[in-house]
C-alpha cells in the first residue's frame, strides 16, 4: 500500500505507512529505504538532508547482508556520493561511498567514471576558475 502512495506522490500517506512498517520491522531495510526515497523526492536537491538519516539506517541494515540488499545499498551509496560531493562539498566522503559502491558492483562503468571525476575535481574549488579557461569579464564599478 505504501509503495502505491509513493508512486502517486502522496508522500505523507506513504511515509505514515512505511513508518508503521518500521515500527513493526525495525531491522528490515525496506521501510527505512522507502522513507529515504520519499525524503529524497521531497528534498530533490538534497540541500535539507532529509533523506540522510534514513539512507544511513538502510545502509547500516543492508551492510549486514550486502548480496541480498545489493540494489538498495547501491542506491543509498549513490545518493551519498551525490550528497557529499554536491551538497556537503566533501570529496573524501563522496569517494568513500563510491568505493563502497564499486566493491559491491565492480562492473559498473558509470560508478568508476564518476569516482574518477570526483577524484580529479575538488568540489570546494569548483566555480573558482572559469570553465572555458577564459578570464571572467569584469563589470564596471
Protein backbone atom coordinates (compact mmCIF):
# COMPACT_ATOMS: atom_id res chain seq x y z
CA UNK A 1 0.00 0.00 0.00
CA UNK A 2 2.75 2.45 0.93
CA UNK A 3 4.53 1.92 -2.37
CA UNK A 4 1.34 2.74 -4.28
CA UNK A 5 1.05 6.04 -2.43
CA UNK A 6 4.75 6.69 -3.10
CA UNK A 7 4.24 6.15 -6.83
CA UNK A 8 1.36 8.63 -6.88
CA UNK A 9 3.49 11.13 -4.93
CA UNK A 10 1.25 11.05 -1.87
CA UNK A 11 4.32 11.27 0.31
CA UNK A 12 2.53 11.99 3.58
CA UNK A 13 0.38 8.85 3.43
CA UNK A 14 3.27 6.79 2.09
CA UNK A 15 5.56 7.96 4.90
CA UNK A 16 2.91 7.14 7.50
CA UNK A 17 2.56 3.61 6.17
CA UNK A 18 6.31 3.00 5.95
CA UNK A 19 6.83 4.39 9.45
CA UNK A 20 4.29 1.84 10.70
CA UNK A 21 6.25 -0.82 8.83
CA UNK A 22 9.48 0.36 10.51
CA UNK A 23 7.81 0.12 13.93
CA UNK A 24 6.84 -3.49 13.25
CA UNK A 25 10.07 -4.47 11.47
CA UNK A 26 12.84 -2.11 12.66
CA UNK A 27 15.66 -4.32 11.37
CA UNK A 28 14.20 -4.72 7.88
CA UNK A 29 15.82 -2.46 5.31
CA UNK A 30 12.69 -1.93 3.22
CA UNK A 31 10.86 0.60 5.42
CA UNK A 32 13.96 2.71 6.03
CA UNK A 33 14.86 2.58 2.35
CA UNK A 34 11.39 3.71 1.26
CA UNK A 35 11.28 6.57 3.78
CA UNK A 36 14.70 7.60 2.43
CA UNK A 37 13.39 7.56 -1.15
CA UNK A 38 10.34 9.60 -0.14
CA UNK A 39 12.51 12.19 1.57
CA UNK A 40 14.91 12.25 -1.39
CA UNK A 41 11.93 13.00 -3.64
CA UNK A 42 10.69 15.77 -1.32
CA UNK A 43 14.19 17.27 -0.96
CA UNK A 44 15.29 16.67 -4.55
CA UNK A 45 18.41 18.86 -4.30
CA UNK A 46 19.47 17.26 -1.03
CA UNK A 47 20.01 20.70 0.47
CA UNK A 48 17.94 19.90 3.56
CA UNK A 49 19.43 16.43 4.03
CA UNK A 50 16.01 14.93 4.69
CA UNK A 51 16.92 11.50 3.31
CA UNK A 52 20.30 11.28 5.07
CA UNK A 53 19.32 9.55 8.35
CA UNK A 54 17.04 7.13 6.55
CA UNK A 55 19.65 6.12 3.96
CA UNK A 56 22.19 5.80 6.80
CA UNK A 57 19.89 3.36 8.59
CA UNK A 58 19.23 1.46 5.36
CA UNK A 59 22.99 1.13 4.83
CA UNK A 60 23.53 0.02 8.43
CA UNK A 61 21.00 -2.77 7.95
CA UNK A 62 21.93 -3.61 4.35
CA UNK A 63 25.65 -3.96 5.03
CA UNK A 64 24.84 -6.93 7.28
CA UNK A 65 23.75 -8.84 4.15
CA UNK A 66 25.12 -6.94 1.14
CA UNK A 67 24.42 -9.53 -1.52
CA UNK A 68 20.74 -9.77 -0.56
CA UNK A 69 20.37 -5.97 -0.33
CA UNK A 70 22.69 -5.07 -3.21
CA UNK A 71 20.28 -2.90 -5.21
CA UNK A 72 19.11 -0.91 -2.18
CA UNK A 73 22.66 -0.48 -0.91
CA UNK A 74 23.81 0.72 -4.31
CA UNK A 75 21.06 3.32 -4.47
CA UNK A 76 21.90 4.52 -0.95
CA UNK A 77 25.61 4.70 -1.77
CA UNK A 78 24.87 6.63 -4.97
CA UNK A 79 22.69 9.05 -3.03
CA UNK A 80 25.57 9.70 -0.63
CA UNK A 81 28.11 10.08 -3.43
CA UNK A 82 25.99 12.86 -4.86
CA UNK A 83 25.03 14.32 -1.48
CA UNK A 84 28.55 14.53 -0.11
CA UNK A 85 30.06 15.82 -3.33
CA UNK A 86 27.40 18.33 -4.42
CA UNK A 87 25.81 19.44 -1.15
CA UNK A 88 28.44 18.98 1.53
CA UNK A 89 31.41 19.60 -0.82
CA UNK A 90 33.16 16.68 0.89
CA UNK A 91 35.28 14.96 -1.73
CA UNK A 92 36.78 12.35 0.63
CA UNK A 93 33.40 11.09 1.87
CA UNK A 94 31.99 11.04 -1.67
CA UNK A 95 34.95 8.88 -2.72
CA UNK A 96 34.41 6.61 0.30
CA UNK A 97 30.85 5.91 -0.85
CA UNK A 98 31.96 5.49 -4.46
CA UNK A 99 34.49 2.89 -3.31
CA UNK A 100 31.81 1.05 -1.32
CA UNK A 101 29.54 1.02 -4.37
CA UNK A 102 32.32 -0.19 -6.67
CA UNK A 103 33.15 -3.01 -4.25
CA UNK A 104 29.53 -4.08 -4.42
CA UNK A 105 29.29 -3.70 -8.20
CA UNK A 106 32.81 -3.76 -9.71
CA UNK A 107 31.47 -3.91 -13.28
CA UNK A 108 29.56 -0.62 -13.10
CA UNK A 109 31.50 1.59 -15.51
CA UNK A 110 29.45 4.68 -14.59
CA UNK A 111 30.41 4.37 -10.93
CA UNK A 112 34.07 4.08 -11.85
CA UNK A 113 33.85 7.09 -14.17
CA UNK A 114 32.08 9.15 -11.51
CA UNK A 115 34.70 8.21 -8.94
CA UNK A 116 37.44 9.34 -11.30
CA UNK A 117 35.69 12.66 -11.92
CA UNK A 118 35.23 13.21 -8.19
CA UNK A 119 38.87 12.31 -7.53
CA UNK A 120 40.06 14.88 -10.08
CA UNK A 121 37.67 17.70 -9.14
CA UNK A 122 37.60 19.02 -5.60
CA UNK A 123 34.07 20.40 -5.07
CA UNK A 124 35.41 23.08 -2.74
CA UNK A 125 37.35 24.63 -5.60
CA UNK A 126 34.52 24.34 -8.14
CA UNK A 127 33.44 27.68 -9.52
CA UNK A 128 36.69 29.44 -8.73
CA UNK A 129 38.03 29.03 -12.26
CA UNK A 130 36.10 29.86 -15.41
CA UNK A 131 35.01 26.66 -17.12
CA UNK A 132 36.04 27.88 -20.58
CA UNK A 133 39.54 28.79 -19.45
CA UNK A 134 38.91 32.41 -20.41
CA UNK A 135 39.26 35.20 -17.89
CA UNK A 136 35.98 36.44 -16.46
CA UNK A 137 34.71 39.77 -17.72
CA UNK A 138 34.87 42.42 -15.05
CA UNK A 139 31.93 44.77 -14.66
CA UNK A 140 32.28 48.50 -14.27
CA UNK A 141 32.39 49.67 -10.68
